[in-house]
Protein backbone atom coordinates (compact mmCIF):
# COMPACT_ATOMS: atom_id res chain seq x y z
CA MET A 1 -9.98 -7.04 -9.41
CA LYS A 2 -12.08 -5.92 -6.98
CA THR A 3 -11.70 -2.67 -5.95
CA THR A 4 -11.33 -1.48 -2.38
CA LYS A 5 -11.40 2.31 -0.88
CA HIS A 6 -9.45 3.87 1.22
CA ASP A 7 -8.93 6.96 3.04
CA ASP A 8 -5.90 6.74 4.98
CA GLY A 9 -3.99 8.93 3.17
CA LEU A 10 -2.19 6.88 0.83
CA GLU A 11 -3.61 6.53 -2.11
CA TRP A 12 -0.85 7.15 -3.88
CA LEU A 13 0.25 3.44 -2.80
CA HIS A 14 -2.07 2.04 -4.03
CA ASP A 15 -2.74 3.04 -7.40
CA ILE A 16 1.17 2.24 -7.67
CA ARG A 17 0.54 -1.58 -6.28
CA ALA A 18 -1.95 -1.57 -8.57
CA ARG A 19 -0.81 -0.58 -11.52
CA LEU A 20 1.92 -3.05 -10.74
CA ALA A 21 -0.04 -5.86 -10.33
CA LYS A 22 -1.75 -5.27 -13.75
CA GLN A 23 1.13 -4.87 -15.43
CA PHE A 24 2.42 -8.56 -13.82
CA ASN A 25 -1.84 -10.08 -14.83
CA TYR A 26 -2.63 -9.46 -11.28
CA ASN A 27 -0.19 -12.89 -11.06
CA PRO A 28 3.20 -12.22 -8.65
CA ARG A 29 4.91 -14.77 -9.48
CA LYS A 30 5.92 -12.97 -13.08
CA ALA A 31 6.37 -9.78 -10.46
CA ALA A 32 9.23 -12.20 -9.19
CA ILE A 33 11.01 -13.45 -12.00
CA HIS A 34 10.81 -9.88 -13.07
CA TYR A 35 12.11 -8.67 -10.34
CA ARG A 36 15.39 -11.79 -10.02
CA ARG A 37 15.97 -10.92 -13.82
CA VAL A 38 16.20 -6.58 -12.62
CA GLN A 39 18.40 -7.81 -9.69
CA LYS A 40 20.45 -9.96 -11.54
CA ALA A 41 20.91 -7.98 -14.19
CA SER A 42 22.19 -4.38 -12.34
CA GLY A 43 24.70 -6.25 -9.90
CA ALA A 44 22.68 -4.90 -7.04
CA LYS A 45 20.85 -6.56 -4.54
CA ILE A 46 16.39 -5.05 -4.76
CA TYR A 47 16.00 -6.10 -1.64
CA GLN A 48 18.34 -6.54 1.66
CA ARG A 49 16.76 -7.62 4.72
CA GLU A 50 18.53 -4.48 7.33
CA GLU A 51 19.90 -6.24 10.39
CA PRO A 52 19.97 -4.85 13.59
CA VAL A 53 21.85 -1.30 13.88
CA GLY A 54 24.83 -1.44 15.81
CA SER A 55 26.03 -5.50 16.00
CA ASP A 56 27.53 -8.28 14.47
CA VAL A 57 27.04 -10.86 12.12
CA GLN A 58 27.11 -13.90 15.37
CA THR A 59 25.05 -11.68 18.03
CA TYR A 60 22.03 -11.00 15.95
CA ASP A 61 22.54 -15.17 15.06
CA ALA A 62 23.08 -16.11 19.03
CA LEU A 63 18.75 -14.10 19.21
CA HIS A 64 17.80 -15.72 16.59
CA ASP A 65 18.54 -18.61 18.39
CA SER A 66 17.67 -17.88 21.74
CA ALA A 67 14.27 -16.43 20.73
CA HIS A 68 13.68 -20.23 18.95
CA ALA A 69 15.08 -21.50 21.94
CA GLN A 70 12.05 -19.97 23.97
CA ILE A 71 9.94 -20.09 21.75
CA ALA A 72 9.80 -24.05 21.96
CA ALA A 73 10.77 -24.40 25.54
CA ASP A 74 6.77 -22.72 24.94
CA GLN A 75 8.76 -19.42 26.99
CA CYS A 76 7.03 -17.38 24.24
CA GLU A 77 4.35 -18.10 22.92
CA THR A 78 5.87 -15.86 19.49
CA LEU A 79 8.35 -14.12 18.68
CA THR A 80 6.49 -11.26 18.68
CA SER A 81 5.98 -11.85 22.94
CA TYR A 82 9.77 -12.87 22.41
CA ARG A 83 10.54 -9.26 21.34
CA ALA A 84 8.34 -7.52 23.46
CA ALA A 85 10.16 -10.03 26.69
CA ARG A 86 13.42 -8.69 26.12
CA LYS A 87 11.92 -5.04 25.74
CA ARG A 88 10.63 -5.31 29.06
CA LYS A 89 13.79 -7.18 30.65
CA ALA A 90 15.97 -4.07 29.10
CA LYS A 91 13.34 -1.78 30.55
CA GLY A 92 13.64 -3.01 33.36
CA ALA A 93 17.16 -3.22 33.44
CA LYS A 94 17.89 0.61 33.16
């Protein structure tokens, strides 16, 4: 496998990722199967998506639906541009 030289201060992270990749023979499917087994055996989720702080599920879902509606209506091009527009509106409202 081709190695890349990094000077970003994250060598420790690159080393961990390289060891994990080698452990699973550079096959992400094998890694996913392993982590699903670990998760099932432990009974706890290894990864859990975070919801915005201070919001309930209904508010989160409403914002998600609103974002996709605006993207579909060509008011925003991407989810990132939708979030940027929301930040600008929030700053303007203060």
